[in-house]
């Protein structure tokens, strides 16, 4: 069997590659010949045809990657051959981008062999062509206002990009570069070189462009092409940043003139840039198109349906929890990319979950992952599987990992993996034999139900500081639901004005608790000791408990980015709701 033979992409490849793209009719922005051709020098793009499929080979930062096989041919044969090539060259097979359907197919064809991860920075923004053209509705009021200001002088016009104005358009980009000089970076330099490739080969590639003139001067342009049977893609769009309305104007006019026969417009990804993400979201995409990277690996993401029974076995064996509790967690908290597994002998044997959290650092929020449910089946322990999962998580998430050791004996183990202690566990409060409740003491507070949004607000208002670990509203809602599932309760304690702890804050506190075997466990609260003393008799009477315990759980951190700083930051911070 001859190996797949790649060659540098040239214009001669356009006809046969276009045919393969049309067979797939995909709506991801990478699936056009022009896009691959103009980026060929940046990513060292090579192509091949085998088993009726097109395959694209490219490099990112020196790492060799492949497209998912394109066309109506035998994709599995292609992938099998790519696996063999990478095995011989002793490197992992990496394929990108994959659609959601591709992900499902890979999990079926190659169970337990590929780590398949979505990348939010790479998701495409796909809009309704009609909505971009009309900008109708209250949400688009601001866009219409910007366009109205642009049109005030009635000195503008739209033109198709053509031989008579393309050099003028090139010159406009040089002015644009000077206006962006303070923000200029290597990525912008690369994009500009690629843009000029698009100018050079516009006709051969079938690219279509449009320009906006104001007072005779080109102030904005767009370049795109048909992507599939119902979607147009915009590859490039530039406008003078200091001219009000130039960007929304070229956006709307290009859609009106170039995309009239299409239902959707793909405006590509945001590359993780916060400003670009905000701008793209402000047009309210019809579809936020998920795209995945598949990497051959013995550490994989768990699939809720395919691996459910195996996860149950690990969880129930290692933690002793009932099946109903495991299902509660899996149904409400597990996603396609927050639990890692190692499989041996045809089934999962080791696992760990990684939940989104944020750490306050000065005026910024730094993303982190909370490590939860680390477990390995007893007969597979001692082989380094848990450590391997944690190291893989550090690599793929590229952010601090925070965990609470389930037992003191595990602190030493996690140290060996690379974690350090931010602070140890300590008992904050313990009460026993609380005096009986007197009716006269019930006038200073009321206990009320609380929403997750209220809980989050009070929590951050009263506990915020450097090193504070925040959960989003969905995570807090899960923590409240989980506590209720376990027999606990989450409430708001509203105080009368005369005993408010903080005159500048809302006169309310949060309290999450759970009674178990005669002991009342406080999970989290903003109550001070004086308020606890006041509330405790009623609380313990209601829960029929004789003892109260409030512990601060010790946490450990693993970070490839300034471990010492993360440790110091968290040491002075605040953490609770460890199952959020």
Protein backbone atom coordinates (compact mmCIF):
# COMPACT_ATOMS: atom_id res chain seq x y z
CA UNK A 1 0.00 0.00 0.00
CA UNK A 2 1.46 3.36 -1.02
CA UNK A 3 1.50 6.08 1.59
CA UNK A 4 -0.39 9.32 1.24
CA UNK A 5 1.86 11.63 -0.76
CA UNK A 6 1.57 15.31 0.05
CA UNK A 7 2.73 18.24 -2.06
CA UNK A 8 2.72 22.00 -1.59
CA UNK A 9 -0.67 23.45 -2.49
CA UNK A 10 -0.77 25.26 -5.84
CA UNK A 11 -3.42 26.79 -8.05
CA UNK A 12 -3.44 23.54 -10.04
CA UNK A 13 -5.13 21.87 -7.05
CA UNK A 14 -8.15 24.15 -7.09
CA UNK A 15 -10.42 22.15 -9.41
CA UNK A 16 -10.18 18.76 -7.70
CA UNK A 17 -10.19 20.27 -4.17
CA UNK A 18 -13.27 22.37 -4.94
CA UNK A 19 -15.03 19.15 -5.96
CA UNK A 20 -14.20 17.51 -2.60
CA UNK A 21 -15.34 20.61 -0.68
CA UNK A 22 -18.64 20.61 -2.57
CA UNK A 23 -19.22 16.94 -1.72
CA UNK A 24 -18.97 17.74 1.99
CA UNK A 25 -20.88 21.08 1.83
CA UNK A 26 -19.44 22.09 5.21
CA UNK A 27 -20.03 25.49 6.82
CA UNK A 28 -16.68 25.91 8.66
CA UNK A 29 -14.53 28.74 7.28
CA UNK A 30 -11.47 26.52 6.66
CA UNK A 31 -13.26 24.49 3.98
CA UNK A 32 -12.44 26.55 0.89
CA UNK A 33 -9.51 26.28 -1.47
CA UNK A 34 -8.83 30.03 -1.29
CA UNK A 35 -8.52 30.04 2.49
CA UNK A 36 -5.93 27.26 2.44
CA UNK A 37 -4.04 28.77 -0.49
CA UNK A 38 -3.60 32.28 0.90
CA UNK A 39 -2.38 30.90 4.25
CA UNK A 40 -0.04 28.36 2.62
CA UNK A 41 3.22 30.18 3.48
CA UNK A 42 2.25 30.81 7.10
CA UNK A 43 1.15 27.22 7.82
CA UNK A 44 3.29 25.36 5.24
CA UNK A 45 0.13 23.94 3.67
CA UNK A 46 0.40 20.71 1.71
CA UNK A 47 -2.38 18.64 0.15
CA UNK A 48 -3.03 15.11 -1.08
CA UNK A 49 -5.85 13.03 -2.58
CA UNK A 50 -6.37 9.46 -1.43
CA UNK A 51 -9.33 7.08 -1.23
CA UNK A 52 -11.58 9.73 -2.81
CA UNK A 53 -10.78 12.31 -0.12
CA UNK A 54 -8.77 15.50 0.07
CA UNK A 55 -6.34 15.74 2.99
CA UNK A 56 -4.64 18.95 4.08
CA UNK A 57 -1.37 18.86 6.02
CA UNK A 58 -0.22 22.01 7.83
CA UNK A 59 1.95 23.19 10.71
CA UNK A 60 1.20 25.39 13.71
CA UNK A 61 4.23 26.46 15.75
CA UNK A 62 6.19 23.54 14.36
CA UNK A 63 3.50 20.94 15.14
CA UNK A 64 2.28 18.89 12.19
CA UNK A 65 -1.51 18.65 11.86
CA UNK A 66 -4.03 17.34 9.33
CA UNK A 67 -7.52 18.23 8.26
CA UNK A 68 -10.31 15.75 8.79
CA UNK A 69 -10.63 13.90 5.45
CA UNK A 70 -12.71 15.96 3.01
CA UNK A 71 -15.16 14.58 0.45
CA UNK A 72 -17.34 11.55 -0.18
CA UNK A 73 -14.53 8.97 -0.18
CA UNK A 74 -13.41 6.48 2.46
CA UNK A 75 -12.50 8.71 5.41
CA UNK A 76 -11.69 5.84 7.75
CA UNK A 77 -9.07 4.41 5.38
CA UNK A 78 -7.45 7.84 5.25
CA UNK A 79 -7.39 8.15 9.03
CA UNK A 80 -6.04 4.62 9.43
CA UNK A 81 -3.17 5.53 7.13
CA UNK A 82 -2.52 8.80 8.95
CA UNK A 83 -2.37 6.88 12.24
CA UNK A 84 0.25 4.56 10.75
CA UNK A 85 2.29 7.48 9.36
CA UNK A 86 2.33 9.22 12.73
CA UNK A 87 3.17 5.98 14.54
CA UNK A 88 6.20 5.48 12.29
CA UNK A 89 7.28 9.09 12.80
CA UNK A 90 6.72 8.76 16.58
CA UNK A 91 4.36 11.69 16.96
CA UNK A 92 0.66 11.97 17.77
CA UNK A 93 -1.90 12.28 15.01
CA UNK A 94 -3.57 15.68 15.31
CA UNK A 95 -6.58 16.55 13.16
CA UNK A 96 -8.34 19.92 12.99
CA UNK A 97 -10.99 21.14 12.58
CA UNK A 98 -13.64 18.50 13.27
CA UNK A 99 -17.36 19.14 13.29
CA UNK A 100 -19.71 17.75 15.94
CA UNK A 101 -20.63 14.96 13.48
CA UNK A 102 -16.92 14.22 12.94
CA UNK A 103 -16.42 14.00 16.70
CA UNK A 104 -19.22 11.45 17.00
CA UNK A 105 -17.79 9.44 14.11
CA UNK A 106 -14.30 9.41 15.67
CA UNK A 107 -15.67 8.21 19.01
CA UNK A 108 -17.41 5.37 17.19
CA UNK A 109 -14.50 4.39 14.95
CA UNK A 110 -11.70 4.88 17.48
CA UNK A 111 -13.02 4.51 21.04
CA UNK A 112 -10.47 5.26 23.77
CA UNK A 113 -7.86 6.42 21.23
CA UNK A 114 -8.38 10.16 20.71
CA UNK A 115 -8.65 13.17 22.97
CA UNK A 116 -11.19 15.41 21.19
CA UNK A 117 -11.42 18.95 22.51
CA UNK A 118 -13.41 22.00 21.47
CA UNK A 119 -11.70 25.39 21.34
CA UNK A 120 -14.05 28.35 21.93
CA UNK A 121 -11.51 30.69 20.31
CA UNK A 122 -11.88 28.73 17.07
CA UNK A 123 -15.69 28.60 16.88
CA UNK A 124 -17.13 30.27 13.77
CA UNK A 125 -19.74 33.04 13.99
CA UNK A 126 -22.50 32.34 11.49
CA UNK A 127 -25.25 34.93 11.00
CA UNK A 128 -28.55 35.17 9.20
CA UNK A 129 -27.88 37.06 5.96
CA UNK A 130 -31.26 38.79 6.26
CA UNK A 131 -30.53 40.04 9.78
CA UNK A 132 -27.12 41.43 8.79
CA UNK A 133 -28.67 43.12 5.77
CA UNK A 134 -31.65 44.72 7.54
CA UNK A 135 -30.25 45.21 11.08
CA UNK A 136 -33.87 45.09 12.23
CA UNK A 137 -34.94 45.05 15.86
CA UNK A 138 -34.04 46.77 19.14
CA UNK A 139 -30.80 44.84 19.56
CA UNK A 140 -29.42 46.38 16.36
CA UNK A 141 -30.45 49.95 17.21
CA UNK A 142 -26.84 50.96 17.97
CA UNK A 143 -25.58 49.56 14.66
CA UNK A 144 -28.24 51.50 12.75
CA UNK A 145 -27.29 54.71 14.58
CA UNK A 146 -23.60 54.29 13.66
CA UNK A 147 -24.56 53.75 10.02
CA UNK A 148 -26.85 56.80 10.09
CA UNK A 149 -23.98 58.99 11.34
CA UNK A 150 -21.75 57.60 8.60
CA UNK A 151 -24.38 58.50 5.98
CA UNK A 152 -25.12 62.01 7.35
CA UNK A 153 -23.09 63.86 4.70
CA UNK A 154 -24.37 61.72 1.83
CA UNK A 155 -20.81 61.54 0.49
CA UNK A 156 -20.32 57.77 0.40
CA UNK A 157 -20.69 54.98 -2.14
CA UNK A 158 -20.18 51.22 -2.42
CA UNK A 159 -18.09 49.67 -5.21
CA UNK A 160 -17.15 46.14 -6.16
CA UNK A 161 -13.43 45.46 -5.76
CA UNK A 162 -11.97 45.39 -9.28
CA UNK A 163 -8.85 46.04 -11.34
CA UNK A 164 -9.40 49.80 -11.31
CA UNK A 165 -9.48 50.20 -7.51
CA UNK A 166 -7.47 47.27 -6.13
CA UNK A 167 -4.19 49.22 -5.90
CA UNK A 168 -6.00 52.00 -4.08
CA UNK A 169 -7.34 49.35 -1.72
CA UNK A 170 -3.81 48.07 -1.10
CA UNK A 171 -2.69 51.60 -0.26
CA UNK A 172 -5.60 51.92 2.17
CA UNK A 173 -4.18 48.92 4.12
CA UNK A 174 -0.84 50.73 4.56
CA UNK A 175 -2.66 53.70 6.08
CA UNK A 176 -4.66 51.29 8.25
CA UNK A 177 -1.39 49.75 9.51
CA UNK A 178 -0.07 53.19 10.56
CA UNK A 179 -3.31 53.88 12.45
CA UNK A 180 -2.88 50.58 14.35
CA UNK A 181 0.84 51.07 15.06
CA UNK A 182 0.50 51.08 18.86
CA UNK A 183 -1.33 47.73 18.84
CA UNK A 184 0.69 46.11 16.07
CA UNK A 185 1.86 42.56 16.69
CA UNK A 186 3.18 39.50 14.86
CA UNK A 187 -0.28 38.03 14.28
CA UNK A 188 -1.45 41.23 12.60
CA UNK A 189 1.70 41.21 10.45
CA UNK A 190 0.95 37.67 9.29
CA UNK A 191 -2.68 38.49 8.55
CA UNK A 192 -1.63 41.46 6.48
CA UNK A 193 0.76 39.32 4.42
CA UNK A 194 -2.06 36.83 3.83
CA UNK A 195 -4.44 39.66 2.86
CA UNK A 196 -2.03 40.76 0.15
CA UNK A 197 -1.89 37.16 -1.12
CA UNK A 198 -5.67 37.46 -1.50
CA UNK A 199 -5.19 40.70 -3.45
CA UNK A 200 -2.58 39.05 -5.71
CA UNK A 201 -4.64 35.96 -6.53
CA UNK A 202 -8.14 37.41 -6.25
CA UNK A 203 -9.30 36.37 -9.72
CA UNK A 204 -7.69 32.92 -9.74
CA UNK A 205 -9.23 32.11 -6.36
CA UNK A 206 -12.68 33.43 -7.19
CA UNK A 207 -12.66 35.93 -4.31
CA UNK A 208 -15.16 38.77 -4.30
CA UNK A 209 -14.55 42.14 -2.66
CA UNK A 210 -16.43 45.32 -1.90
CA UNK A 211 -15.24 48.77 -0.86
CA UNK A 212 -16.78 51.84 0.78
CA UNK A 213 -15.70 55.32 -0.30
CA UNK A 214 -16.33 58.43 1.74
CA UNK A 215 -15.54 61.82 0.23
CA UNK A 216 -13.87 59.87 -2.58
CA UNK A 217 -11.46 57.98 -0.30
CA UNK A 218 -11.56 54.21 0.37
CA UNK A 219 -12.28 53.83 4.09
CA UNK A 220 -13.36 50.19 4.33
CA UNK A 221 -13.40 46.92 2.40
CA UNK A 222 -14.46 43.27 2.69
CA UNK A 223 -13.33 40.15 0.81
CA UNK A 224 -15.14 36.82 0.78
CA UNK A 225 -16.47 33.94 -1.31
CA UNK A 226 -19.20 31.29 -1.38
CA UNK A 227 -18.50 28.67 1.31
CA UNK A 228 -21.19 26.05 0.63
CA UNK A 229 -24.67 25.77 -0.84
CA UNK A 230 -26.28 28.20 1.63
CA UNK A 231 -23.41 30.08 3.31
CA UNK A 232 -21.08 32.89 2.26
CA UNK A 233 -17.83 33.46 4.15
CA UNK A 234 -16.13 36.80 4.84
CA UNK A 235 -12.37 36.23 5.05
CA UNK A 236 -11.15 39.83 5.46
CA UNK A 237 -12.70 43.10 6.60
CA UNK A 238 -10.85 46.34 7.33
CA UNK A 239 -12.03 49.87 8.06
CA UNK A 240 -10.45 53.01 9.45
CA UNK A 241 -10.94 52.63 13.22
CA UNK A 242 -11.42 56.36 13.86
CA UNK A 243 -14.32 56.74 11.42
CA UNK A 244 -17.69 56.27 13.10
CA UNK A 245 -19.85 53.71 11.37
CA UNK A 246 -17.25 52.48 8.86
CA UNK A 247 -17.19 48.91 10.14
CA UNK A 248 -20.98 48.36 10.42
CA UNK A 249 -21.36 50.11 7.07
CA UNK A 250 -19.05 47.78 5.11
CA UNK A 251 -20.48 44.80 6.98
CA UNK A 252 -24.02 45.62 5.89
CA UNK A 253 -23.21 46.78 2.36
CA UNK A 254 -21.07 43.77 1.51
CA UNK A 255 -23.84 41.45 2.67
CA UNK A 256 -26.39 43.38 0.61
CA UNK A 257 -24.33 43.29 -2.58
CA UNK A 258 -22.30 40.05 -2.46
CA UNK A 259 -24.37 37.60 -0.41
CA UNK A 260 -27.88 38.06 -1.77
CA UNK A 261 -28.32 34.42 -2.85
CA UNK A 262 -27.26 32.92 0.48
CA UNK A 263 -29.07 32.22 3.75
CA UNK A 264 -26.11 32.57 6.09
CA UNK A 265 -22.88 34.53 6.41
CA UNK A 266 -19.85 33.00 8.18
CA UNK A 267 -17.63 35.72 9.66
CA UNK A 268 -15.01 33.30 10.97
CA UNK A 269 -13.64 32.94 14.52
CA UNK A 270 -12.52 35.48 17.15
CA UNK A 271 -9.10 33.82 17.87
CA UNK A 272 -9.70 34.40 21.59
CA UNK A 273 -9.37 38.19 21.30
CA UNK A 274 -11.78 39.77 23.85
CA UNK A 275 -12.47 42.85 21.72
CA UNK A 276 -13.14 40.84 18.61
CA UNK A 277 -15.37 38.44 20.53
CA UNK A 278 -17.41 41.33 21.89
CA UNK A 279 -17.77 42.81 18.41
CA UNK A 280 -18.86 39.51 16.83
CA UNK A 281 -21.31 38.72 19.62
CA UNK A 282 -22.86 42.18 19.25
CA UNK A 283 -24.35 41.02 15.93
CA UNK A 284 -26.03 38.03 17.65
CA UNK A 285 -24.89 35.01 15.60
CA UNK A 286 -27.49 32.51 14.46
CA UNK A 287 -24.96 29.69 14.94
CA UNK A 288 -21.82 29.55 17.05
CA UNK A 289 -20.19 26.70 15.15
CA UNK A 290 -18.27 24.30 17.38
CA UNK A 291 -14.99 23.01 16.00
CA UNK A 292 -12.78 20.36 17.58
CA UNK A 293 -9.19 19.15 17.60
CA UNK A 294 -8.57 15.38 17.79
CA UNK A 295 -5.25 14.14 19.20
CA UNK A 296 -4.23 10.49 19.48
CA UNK A 297 -3.79 9.93 23.21
CA UNK A 298 -4.23 7.39 25.98
CA UNK A 299 -5.78 10.16 28.10
CA UNK A 300 -9.19 10.99 26.63
CA UNK A 301 -12.28 13.03 27.42
CA UNK A 302 -15.12 10.99 28.86
CA UNK A 303 -18.34 10.77 26.89
CA UNK A 304 -21.40 10.96 29.13
CA UNK A 305 -23.33 8.30 27.23
CA UNK A 306 -20.59 5.97 26.01
CA UNK A 307 -18.63 5.90 29.29
CA UNK A 308 -21.46 6.26 31.79
CA UNK A 309 -21.42 2.70 33.09
CA UNK A 310 -17.63 2.74 33.47
CA UNK A 311 -17.70 6.06 35.33
CA UNK A 312 -20.32 4.62 37.67
CA UNK A 313 -18.08 1.67 38.44
CA UNK A 314 -15.04 3.84 39.25
CA UNK A 315 -17.06 6.35 41.28
CA UNK A 316 -19.07 3.86 43.31
CA UNK A 317 -16.04 1.64 43.94
CA UNK A 318 -13.71 4.45 45.00
CA UNK A 319 -16.07 6.85 46.79
CA UNK A 320 -18.87 4.56 47.95
CA UNK A 321 -21.56 6.89 46.63
CA UNK A 322 -24.93 5.62 45.47
CA UNK A 323 -25.74 5.40 41.78
CA UNK A 324 -28.43 8.07 42.11
CA UNK A 325 -25.88 10.62 43.35
CA UNK A 326 -23.46 9.79 40.53
CA UNK A 327 -26.23 10.28 37.97
CA UNK A 328 -27.15 13.59 39.58
CA UNK A 329 -23.60 14.85 39.03
CA UNK A 330 -23.23 13.44 35.51
CA UNK A 331 -26.59 14.82 34.34
CA UNK A 332 -26.15 18.29 35.79
CA UNK A 333 -22.40 19.00 35.75
CA UNK A 334 -20.59 16.82 33.25
CA UNK A 335 -19.80 18.21 29.78
CA UNK A 336 -18.00 16.78 26.78
CA UNK A 337 -14.70 18.32 27.87
CA UNK A 338 -14.52 18.42 31.68
CA UNK A 339 -13.72 14.80 32.62
CA UNK A 340 -10.59 12.91 31.60
CA UNK A 341 -10.19 9.13 31.54
CA UNK A 342 -7.53 6.51 31.06
CA UNK A 343 -8.75 3.20 29.65
CA UNK A 344 -7.13 -0.20 29.96
CA UNK A 345 -8.34 -3.65 28.98
CA UNK A 346 -11.24 -2.13 27.04
CA UNK A 347 -12.74 0.03 29.80
CA UNK A 348 -12.11 3.17 31.85
CA UNK A 349 -9.95 2.61 34.96
CA UNK A 350 -8.98 6.13 36.10
CA UNK A 351 -10.76 9.49 35.98
CA UNK A 352 -10.77 13.12 37.11
CA UNK A 353 -13.10 16.07 36.52
CA UNK A 354 -12.04 19.68 35.85
CA UNK A 355 -14.60 22.40 36.54
CA UNK A 356 -14.40 26.05 35.49
CA UNK A 357 -13.63 28.64 38.15
CA UNK A 358 -12.05 32.11 38.33
CA UNK A 359 -9.46 33.55 40.73
CA UNK A 360 -9.43 37.24 41.61
CA UNK A 361 -6.02 38.82 40.98
CA UNK A 362 -6.04 42.56 41.53
CA UNK A 363 -8.53 44.00 39.07
CA UNK A 364 -8.57 40.89 36.89
CA UNK A 365 -10.19 37.46 36.90
CA UNK A 366 -7.83 34.59 36.03
CA UNK A 367 -9.42 31.35 34.76
CA UNK A 368 -8.60 28.12 36.61
CA UNK A 369 -9.86 24.54 36.88
CA UNK A 370 -11.14 22.89 40.05
CA UNK A 371 -10.03 19.26 40.16
CA UNK A 372 -12.76 16.93 41.38
CA UNK A 373 -13.44 13.20 41.65
CA UNK A 374 -9.88 11.96 41.09
CA UNK A 375 -10.10 8.16 41.28
CA UNK A 376 -8.52 4.95 40.00
CA UNK A 377 -9.92 1.44 40.35
CA UNK A 378 -8.01 -0.40 43.14
CA UNK A 379 -6.60 -3.11 40.85
CA UNK A 380 -5.05 -0.45 38.56
CA UNK A 381 -3.44 1.74 41.22
CA UNK A 382 0.31 2.20 41.45
CA UNK A 383 0.70 2.68 37.69
CA UNK A 384 0.70 6.48 37.69
CA UNK A 385 -2.63 6.88 35.92
CA UNK A 386 -4.03 9.68 38.09
CA UNK A 387 -0.76 11.61 37.85
CA UNK A 388 -0.81 11.18 34.08
CA UNK A 389 -4.35 12.58 33.89
CA UNK A 390 -3.39 15.60 36.02
CA UNK A 391 -0.32 16.32 33.90
CA UNK A 392 -2.40 16.03 30.72
CA UNK A 393 -4.95 18.46 32.22
CA UNK A 394 -2.18 20.95 33.00
CA UNK A 395 -1.03 20.69 29.38
CA UNK A 396 -4.37 20.98 27.58
CA UNK A 397 -6.09 23.53 29.82
CA UNK A 398 -2.99 25.68 30.35
CA UNK A 399 -4.31 27.30 33.53
CA UNK A 400 -3.93 26.71 37.29
CA UNK A 401 -5.40 23.51 38.72
CA UNK A 402 -6.89 23.76 42.22
CA UNK A 403 -7.95 20.82 44.37
CA UNK A 404 -9.02 19.83 47.87
CA UNK A 405 -7.32 16.59 49.01
CA UNK A 406 -10.06 14.21 50.10
CA UNK A 407 -7.84 12.93 52.91
CA UNK A 408 -4.76 14.27 54.69
CA UNK A 409 -2.81 11.25 53.49
CA UNK A 410 -3.22 12.43 49.89
CA UNK A 411 -1.36 15.72 50.45
CA UNK A 412 1.99 13.97 50.03
CA UNK A 413 0.82 12.26 46.85
CA UNK A 414 -0.28 15.51 45.24
CA UNK A 415 3.02 17.15 46.22
CA UNK A 416 4.82 14.48 44.20
CA UNK A 417 2.63 15.32 41.20
CA UNK A 418 3.64 18.98 41.51
CA UNK A 419 0.89 20.56 43.61
CA UNK A 420 1.78 22.86 46.51
CA UNK A 421 -0.34 23.79 49.52
CA UNK A 422 -1.96 27.23 49.51
CA UNK A 423 -3.25 26.60 53.04
CA UNK A 424 -4.12 23.53 55.15
CA UNK A 425 -7.54 22.47 56.38
CA UNK A 426 -8.70 24.03 59.62
CA UNK A 427 -11.80 23.99 61.80
CA UNK A 428 -13.34 27.45 61.86
CA UNK A 429 -16.14 26.69 64.29
CA UNK A 430 -17.43 23.83 66.39
CA UNK A 431 -20.42 23.99 68.71
CA UNK A 432 -22.08 21.43 70.92
CA UNK A 433 -24.96 21.43 73.43
CA UNK A 434 -26.43 24.72 72.17
CA UNK A 435 -28.91 26.35 74.64
CA UNK A 436 -32.60 25.92 73.93
CA UNK A 437 -34.41 28.42 71.75
CA UNK A 438 -36.32 31.30 73.38
CA UNK A 439 -39.14 32.96 71.47
CA UNK A 440 -37.91 36.45 72.40
CA UNK A 441 -34.77 35.86 70.33
CA UNK A 442 -36.60 35.45 67.04
CA UNK A 443 -37.12 39.15 66.24
CA UNK A 444 -33.75 40.16 64.77
CA UNK A 445 -33.64 38.11 61.58
CA UNK A 446 -35.66 36.18 59.04
CA UNK A 447 -34.64 33.14 57.02
CA UNK A 448 -35.70 33.23 53.36
CA UNK A 449 -35.28 31.19 50.21
CA UNK A 450 -32.53 32.40 47.88
CA UNK A 451 -31.80 32.18 44.16
CA UNK A 452 -28.41 31.31 42.71
CA UNK A 453 -28.09 34.87 41.38
CA UNK A 454 -28.73 36.35 44.84
CA UNK A 455 -26.33 33.88 46.44
CA UNK A 456 -23.58 34.80 43.98
CA UNK A 457 -24.12 38.52 44.52
CA UNK A 458 -23.99 38.38 48.33
CA UNK A 459 -21.07 35.93 48.28
CA UNK A 460 -18.96 38.22 46.10
CA UNK A 461 -20.09 41.37 47.88
CA UNK A 462 -19.01 40.15 51.30
CA UNK A 463 -16.11 37.82 50.59
CA UNK A 464 -14.33 39.35 47.59
CA UNK A 465 -10.58 39.88 47.87
CA UNK A 466 -7.40 38.87 46.07
CA UNK A 467 -7.33 35.11 45.78
CA UNK A 468 -11.13 34.86 45.98
CA UNK A 469 -12.35 31.89 43.95
CA UNK A 470 -15.56 32.62 42.11
CA UNK A 471 -18.09 30.27 40.57
CA UNK A 472 -20.52 31.29 37.88
CA UNK A 473 -24.26 31.26 38.50
CA UNK A 474 -24.76 27.83 36.92
CA UNK A 475 -22.12 26.29 39.19
CA UNK A 476 -23.67 27.87 42.28
CA UNK A 477 -27.10 26.63 41.23
CA UNK A 478 -25.66 23.12 40.97
CA UNK A 479 -24.05 23.41 44.43
CA UNK A 480 -27.42 24.46 45.87
CA UNK A 481 -29.24 21.64 44.06
CA UNK A 482 -26.63 19.08 45.11
CA UNK A 483 -26.83 20.20 48.73
CA UNK A 484 -30.62 19.87 48.59
CA UNK A 485 -30.23 16.41 47.01
CA UNK A 486 -28.07 15.43 50.00
CA UNK A 487 -30.68 16.68 52.49
CA UNK A 488 -29.30 20.17 53.05
CA UNK A 489 -30.63 23.66 52.54
CA UNK A 490 -29.41 27.01 51.21
CA UNK A 491 -30.96 30.21 52.57
CA UNK A 492 -30.66 33.95 52.86
CA UNK A 493 -30.56 35.35 56.40
CA UNK A 494 -31.97 38.88 56.44
CA UNK A 495 -31.11 41.03 59.45
CA UNK A 496 -32.79 44.05 60.96
CA UNK A 497 -30.87 47.34 60.65
CA UNK A 498 -29.62 47.44 64.22
CA UNK A 499 -27.41 44.35 63.90
CA UNK A 500 -26.21 44.65 60.31
CA UNK A 501 -22.53 43.69 60.16
CA UNK A 502 -21.73 46.02 57.29
CA UNK A 503 -23.62 49.29 56.91
CA UNK A 504 -22.48 49.65 53.28
CA UNK A 505 -23.70 46.16 52.32
CA UNK A 506 -27.08 44.56 51.93
CA UNK A 507 -28.41 43.41 55.33
CA UNK A 508 -28.38 39.77 54.34
CA UNK A 509 -26.08 36.79 54.60
CA UNK A 510 -25.87 33.45 52.83
CA UNK A 511 -25.96 30.12 54.62
CA UNK A 512 -25.55 26.66 53.10
CA UNK A 513 -25.78 23.73 55.49
CA UNK A 514 -26.42 20.01 55.57
CA UNK A 515 -27.33 17.84 58.60
CA UNK A 516 -25.81 14.36 58.78
CA UNK A 517 -25.94 11.83 61.62
CA UNK A 518 -26.75 14.40 64.28
CA UNK A 519 -24.12 16.90 63.12
CA UNK A 520 -24.91 20.13 61.29
CA UNK A 521 -22.24 20.74 58.64
CA UNK A 522 -21.86 24.33 57.50
CA UNK A 523 -20.74 24.30 53.88
CA UNK A 524 -20.50 28.05 53.36
CA UNK A 525 -21.70 31.21 55.04
CA UNK A 526 -20.98 34.92 55.33
CA UNK A 527 -22.30 34.97 58.92
CA UNK A 528 -20.00 36.24 61.64
CA UNK A 529 -19.65 34.45 64.98
CA UNK A 530 -22.08 36.83 66.71
CA UNK A 531 -24.74 36.18 64.06
CA UNK A 532 -24.12 32.45 64.30
CA UNK A 533 -24.74 32.55 68.04
CA UNK A 534 -28.06 34.26 67.43
CA UNK A 535 -29.22 31.93 64.68
CA UNK A 536 -27.87 28.63 65.98
CA UNK A 537 -30.57 27.58 68.49
CA UNK A 538 -33.36 27.76 65.91
CA UNK A 539 -31.23 26.19 63.19
CA UNK A 540 -30.19 23.21 65.29
CA UNK A 541 -33.70 22.75 66.61
CA UNK A 542 -35.08 22.64 63.07
CA UNK A 543 -32.43 20.19 61.86
CA UNK A 544 -32.58 18.08 65.05
CA UNK A 545 -28.81 18.17 65.43
CA UNK A 546 -26.70 18.40 68.60
CA UNK A 547 -23.35 19.43 67.12
CA UNK A 548 -22.21 22.01 64.57
CA UNK A 549 -19.02 21.86 62.49
CA UNK A 550 -17.67 24.46 60.08
CA UNK A 551 -14.39 23.54 58.38
CA UNK A 552 -12.25 25.43 55.93
CA UNK A 553 -10.96 22.89 53.45
CA UNK A 554 -7.29 23.06 52.59
CA UNK A 555 -6.44 23.62 48.95
CA UNK A 556 -3.48 22.82 46.74
CA UNK A 557 -2.52 24.38 43.41
CA UNK A 558 -0.59 23.31 40.32
CA UNK A 559 0.36 26.02 37.86
CA UNK A 560 2.89 26.14 35.05
CA UNK A 561 2.67 29.94 35.16
CA UNK A 562 4.40 31.24 38.32
CA UNK A 563 3.48 28.54 40.82
CA UNK A 564 4.76 30.59 43.78
CA UNK A 565 2.55 33.55 42.89
CA UNK A 566 -0.55 31.37 42.55
CA UNK A 567 0.21 29.76 45.91
CA UNK A 568 0.63 33.14 47.65
CA UNK A 569 -2.48 34.55 45.97
CA UNK A 570 -4.67 31.67 47.07
CA UNK A 571 -3.15 31.60 50.57
CA UNK A 572 -4.67 35.02 51.25
CA UNK A 573 -7.85 34.32 49.33
CA UNK A 574 -11.13 32.54 49.89
CA UNK A 575 -12.46 29.20 48.69
CA UNK A 576 -15.57 27.19 49.45
CA UNK A 577 -18.31 25.35 47.59
CA UNK A 578 -15.78 22.74 46.55
CA UNK A 579 -18.43 20.82 44.61
CA UNK A 580 -19.70 23.84 42.71
